[in-house]
Amino acid sequence: MIQVSRFAAGRIQLWITPCAVTMPPPGGDSLAVPTNERLCGTQFSHFPVGGPTPVQEYIGRHPKERVPEQLQEASWMLYQCESIDGVVTELGGIDRSDIDERAPVVGGDEQYPVRCRVGDSLLFSSSGGLEKVFEKGLVLTVPPFWPGTSSAEWRRLLRSSYLNTFSVAKSAGSLAITTPLLGSGARGTPTEQAAEIAAEASVAFVKSAGEQSEMSILFAVQDDDVGEALDKALHRHDMT
């Protein structure tokens, strides 16, 4: 695990790590978990019956010439490495009964009940293997699907996912929230566009929180290319 860069006097940090869940940056006491509207992890499809589904045929697909031969099969996988929802589910990070009790159905239908709308965020106590890792809890958030272009509505919703997540964590007393690059996994957002909103939203949150807020934002990504894109975006938006 390495720290790539620090911004806003260290209140925004970028780390590259093999796994944001099992090997998070030091100091993080809460975790942002991008998920689907059902808050069901990977127990069911991330995609509602009939769509929408990501625009790309394969999420995370890279040009063959950029991928080592031994990794070419992995480059066609549906869930690219920046997704963490499955790891959280595997480790029993959230008690299902807690979701049923604290996140009532707010929309959708019988086949695809919505418990958290796109752009919203909900806090849950961590459990299982994550109980002592993220003591302030897990913040589940639903990023928007990539619509094929950086529309104003898409930007608003992804920015909302970040700002709501940070606000929920701050209200829970978190001093540092670990977050992947929201929207760049199963929701299909290209890295550069996802990084731009991540940088814009995190800097906006730090500015609005003011110097009295002690909470830090720890971006944790696996891929060097993702780290480079986010680092460039953060440099463009850095306020220091």
Protein backbone atom coordinates (compact mmCIF):
# COMPACT_ATOMS: atom_id res chain seq x y z
CA MET A 1 0.00 0.00 0.00
CA ILE A 2 1.34 3.43 -0.92
CA GLN A 3 0.15 6.98 -0.45
CA VAL A 4 0.21 8.73 -3.81
CA SER A 5 -0.64 12.29 -2.80
CA ARG A 6 -2.21 14.61 -0.22
CA PHE A 7 -4.42 17.63 -0.79
CA ALA A 8 -6.19 20.26 1.31
CA ALA A 9 -3.59 20.04 4.08
CA GLY A 10 -3.92 16.27 4.20
CA ARG A 11 -7.70 16.18 4.52
CA ILE A 12 -7.94 14.54 1.10
CA GLN A 13 -5.56 11.65 0.47
CA LEU A 14 -5.04 9.26 -2.41
CA TRP A 15 -3.84 5.72 -1.74
CA ILE A 16 -3.20 2.70 -3.94
CA THR A 17 -3.95 -0.55 -2.14
CA PRO A 18 -4.69 -4.17 -3.11
CA CYS A 19 -8.12 -3.86 -1.46
CA ALA A 20 -9.89 -0.87 0.07
CA VAL A 21 -11.87 -3.19 2.35
CA THR A 22 -9.32 -5.66 3.70
CA MET A 23 -6.28 -3.37 3.40
CA PRO A 24 -7.67 0.16 3.87
CA PRO A 25 -5.46 3.22 4.31
CA PRO A 26 -4.40 3.79 7.92
CA GLY A 27 -6.71 5.84 10.09
CA GLY A 28 -9.97 5.17 8.28
CA ASP A 29 -12.86 4.45 10.65
CA SER A 30 -15.72 4.43 8.13
CA LEU A 31 -16.15 3.07 4.60
CA ALA A 32 -18.15 4.27 1.60
CA VAL A 33 -19.79 1.31 -0.13
CA PRO A 34 -21.27 1.93 -3.60
CA THR A 35 -24.16 -0.46 -4.10
CA ASN A 36 -27.52 -0.89 -5.81
CA GLU A 37 -30.91 0.54 -4.93
CA ARG A 38 -31.94 -2.70 -3.21
CA LEU A 39 -28.98 -2.54 -0.79
CA CYS A 40 -28.51 -6.23 -1.42
CA GLY A 41 -24.82 -6.33 -2.27
CA THR A 42 -24.06 -9.00 -4.85
CA GLN A 43 -26.78 -11.38 -3.64
CA PHE A 44 -28.83 -10.30 -6.64
CA SER A 45 -28.12 -8.53 -9.91
CA HIS A 46 -26.97 -4.92 -9.69
CA PHE A 47 -29.21 -4.22 -12.66
CA PRO A 48 -33.03 -3.96 -12.60
CA VAL A 49 -34.92 -6.27 -14.94
CA GLY A 50 -35.20 -4.42 -18.24
CA GLY A 51 -32.38 -2.02 -17.40
CA PRO A 52 -30.78 0.36 -17.19
CA THR A 53 -27.49 -1.38 -17.71
CA PRO A 54 -24.03 0.10 -18.40
CA VAL A 55 -23.41 1.43 -21.87
CA GLN A 56 -20.16 -0.46 -22.39
CA GLU A 57 -20.33 -4.09 -23.47
CA TYR A 58 -17.82 -4.96 -20.78
CA ILE A 59 -17.14 -2.72 -17.81
CA GLY A 60 -13.48 -2.02 -17.21
CA ARG A 61 -12.41 -3.36 -20.59
CA HIS A 62 -8.95 -2.21 -21.62
CA PRO A 63 -7.33 -2.25 -25.06
CA LYS A 64 -5.64 -5.60 -25.48
CA GLU A 65 -2.24 -4.07 -26.11
CA ARG A 66 -2.24 -2.46 -22.67
CA VAL A 67 -3.05 -5.65 -20.76
CA PRO A 68 -0.44 -8.35 -20.01
CA GLU A 69 -1.35 -11.68 -21.59
CA GLN A 70 -1.91 -13.36 -18.23
CA LEU A 71 -4.42 -10.65 -17.28
CA GLN A 72 -6.31 -10.35 -20.57
CA GLU A 73 -9.17 -12.57 -19.42
CA ALA A 74 -9.60 -10.45 -16.29
CA SER A 75 -9.79 -7.30 -18.40
CA TRP A 76 -13.14 -8.53 -19.77
CA MET A 77 -14.71 -9.09 -16.36
CA LEU A 78 -18.02 -7.39 -15.60
CA TYR A 79 -16.96 -6.08 -12.19
CA GLN A 80 -13.69 -4.23 -12.51
CA CYS A 81 -11.26 -4.03 -9.62
CA GLU A 82 -12.57 -0.76 -8.19
CA SER A 83 -15.83 -2.47 -7.12
CA ILE A 84 -15.93 -3.40 -3.41
CA ASP A 85 -19.56 -4.37 -2.83
CA GLY A 86 -18.87 -8.09 -3.22
CA VAL A 87 -16.02 -8.06 -0.70
CA VAL A 88 -18.18 -6.31 1.87
CA THR A 89 -20.93 -8.89 1.35
CA GLU A 90 -18.49 -11.80 1.55
CA LEU A 91 -17.10 -10.57 4.88
CA GLY A 92 -20.56 -10.08 6.35
CA GLY A 93 -19.92 -6.39 6.72
CA ILE A 94 -23.59 -5.45 7.10
CA ASP A 95 -26.26 -7.34 9.01
CA ARG A 96 -29.14 -7.98 6.59
CA SER A 97 -31.69 -7.58 9.39
CA ASP A 98 -30.27 -4.12 10.06
CA ILE A 99 -30.97 -3.12 6.46
CA ASP A 100 -34.50 -4.53 6.57
CA GLU A 101 -35.21 -2.65 9.80
CA ARG A 102 -33.56 0.68 9.09
CA ALA A 103 -34.02 1.02 5.32
CA PRO A 104 -37.69 0.55 4.42
CA VAL A 105 -38.75 0.22 0.80
CA VAL A 106 -39.24 3.71 -0.66
CA GLY A 107 -40.03 2.86 -4.28
CA GLY A 108 -39.62 0.43 -7.12
CA ASP A 109 -41.76 -2.68 -7.35
CA GLU A 110 -41.98 -6.21 -5.95
CA GLN A 111 -39.22 -7.50 -8.22
CA TYR A 112 -36.87 -4.58 -7.64
CA PRO A 113 -37.73 -2.81 -4.37
CA VAL A 114 -35.82 0.43 -3.86
CA ARG A 115 -34.44 1.06 -0.36
CA CYS A 116 -32.01 3.84 -1.27
CA ARG A 117 -32.50 6.19 -4.19
CA VAL A 118 -29.74 7.10 -6.61
CA GLY A 119 -27.56 9.80 -5.10
CA ASP A 120 -28.62 9.06 -1.52
CA SER A 121 -26.55 7.51 1.29
CA LEU A 122 -27.41 5.52 4.43
CA LEU A 123 -25.26 4.62 7.44
CA PHE A 124 -25.16 1.10 8.89
CA SER A 125 -23.14 -0.41 11.70
CA SER A 126 -20.33 -2.62 10.46
CA SER A 127 -20.49 -6.28 11.42
CA GLY A 128 -18.75 -9.57 10.78
CA GLY A 129 -15.15 -9.24 9.67
CA LEU A 130 -15.43 -5.46 9.35
CA GLU A 131 -16.82 -4.66 12.78
CA LYS A 132 -13.46 -3.67 14.27
CA VAL A 133 -12.03 -2.28 11.03
CA PHE A 134 -14.62 0.43 10.35
CA GLU A 135 -15.86 1.27 13.83
CA LYS A 136 -17.94 4.26 12.74
CA GLY A 137 -19.84 2.18 10.22
CA LEU A 138 -20.40 1.62 6.52
CA VAL A 139 -22.08 4.27 4.40
CA LEU A 140 -24.02 2.66 1.56
CA THR A 141 -24.59 4.92 -1.43
CA VAL A 142 -26.12 4.45 -4.87
CA PRO A 143 -24.17 6.13 -7.69
CA PRO A 144 -25.92 6.75 -11.02
CA PHE A 145 -25.43 4.61 -14.10
CA TRP A 146 -23.16 6.17 -16.71
CA PRO A 147 -25.56 7.47 -19.39
CA GLY A 148 -22.97 7.58 -22.16
CA THR A 149 -22.16 11.25 -21.76
CA SER A 150 -21.36 13.59 -18.89
CA SER A 151 -24.86 15.03 -18.57
CA ALA A 152 -25.78 17.62 -15.96
CA GLU A 153 -28.15 15.20 -14.22
CA TRP A 154 -25.53 12.45 -14.06
CA ARG A 155 -22.99 14.89 -12.62
CA ARG A 156 -25.51 16.09 -10.05
CA LEU A 157 -26.36 12.57 -8.90
CA LEU A 158 -22.77 11.36 -8.61
CA ARG A 159 -21.76 14.52 -6.79
CA SER A 160 -24.74 13.96 -4.49
CA SER A 161 -23.55 10.40 -3.75
CA TYR A 162 -20.22 11.77 -2.56
CA LEU A 163 -21.53 14.75 -0.61
CA ASN A 164 -24.26 12.74 1.11
CA THR A 165 -21.77 9.99 1.97
CA PHE A 166 -19.28 12.42 3.48
CA SER A 167 -22.00 14.24 5.41
CA VAL A 168 -23.41 11.01 6.84
CA ALA A 169 -19.95 9.85 7.92
CA LYS A 170 -19.18 13.21 9.50
CA SER A 171 -22.46 13.16 11.43
CA ALA A 172 -21.55 9.70 12.74
CA GLY A 173 -18.34 11.09 14.20
CA SER A 174 -16.01 9.60 11.61
CA LEU A 175 -12.54 11.13 11.51
CA ALA A 176 -11.58 9.52 8.20
CA ILE A 177 -13.74 7.84 5.57
CA THR A 178 -12.24 5.40 3.09
CA THR A 179 -13.85 5.49 -0.34
CA PRO A 180 -13.31 3.85 -3.72
CA LEU A 181 -13.95 5.74 -6.94
CA LEU A 182 -17.75 5.81 -6.90
CA GLY A 183 -19.58 4.85 -10.07
CA SER A 184 -16.57 3.35 -11.83
CA GLY A 185 -17.47 -0.28 -11.09
CA ALA A 186 -20.80 -1.87 -11.97
CA ARG A 187 -22.32 1.52 -12.84
CA GLY A 188 -19.98 1.82 -15.80
CA THR A 189 -18.54 5.33 -15.52
CA PRO A 190 -15.23 5.80 -17.38
CA THR A 191 -12.32 6.48 -15.05
CA GLU A 192 -11.59 10.05 -16.14
CA GLN A 193 -15.18 11.22 -15.72
CA ALA A 194 -15.55 9.43 -12.37
CA ALA A 195 -12.30 10.95 -11.14
CA GLU A 196 -13.37 14.46 -12.11
CA ILE A 197 -16.55 14.30 -10.01
CA ALA A 198 -14.69 12.64 -7.13
CA ALA A 199 -12.20 15.49 -7.01
CA GLU A 200 -14.82 18.18 -7.43
CA ALA A 201 -17.07 16.77 -4.70
CA SER A 202 -14.34 16.03 -2.16
CA VAL A 203 -12.82 19.50 -2.44
CA ALA A 204 -16.28 21.07 -2.22
CA PHE A 205 -17.02 19.08 0.94
CA VAL A 206 -13.76 20.06 2.62
CA LYS A 207 -14.37 23.72 1.77
CA SER A 208 -17.93 23.66 3.10
CA ALA A 209 -16.96 21.78 6.27
CA GLY A 210 -14.40 24.42 7.17
CA GLU A 211 -11.31 24.17 9.30
CA GLN A 212 -13.28 23.09 12.35
CA SER A 213 -14.01 19.71 10.73
CA GLU A 214 -11.38 17.07 11.39
CA MET A 215 -12.71 14.44 8.98
CA SER A 216 -10.39 13.30 6.20
CA ILE A 217 -11.31 11.64 2.91
CA LEU A 218 -9.14 8.65 1.98
CA PHE A 219 -9.49 7.62 -1.66
CA ALA A 220 -8.37 3.99 -2.00
CA VAL A 221 -7.94 2.53 -5.49
CA GLN A 222 -6.27 -0.59 -6.83
CA ASP A 223 -5.28 0.32 -10.34
CA ASP A 224 -2.34 2.62 -11.15
CA ASP A 225 -4.20 4.16 -14.08
CA VAL A 226 -7.15 4.98 -11.83
CA GLY A 227 -4.79 6.50 -9.29
CA GLU A 228 -3.12 8.63 -11.95
CA ALA A 229 -6.46 9.92 -13.27
CA LEU A 230 -7.69 10.79 -9.79
CA ASP A 231 -4.40 12.42 -8.85
CA LYS A 232 -4.59 14.69 -11.90
CA ALA A 233 -8.21 15.60 -11.16
CA LEU A 234 -7.41 16.40 -7.54
CA HIS A 235 -4.52 18.61 -8.61
CA ARG A 236 -6.91 20.55 -10.87
CA HIS A 237 -9.35 21.13 -8.01
CA ASP A 238 -6.91 21.44 -5.10
CA MET A 239 -7.56 24.54 -3.01
CA THR A 240 -4.17 24.72 -1.28
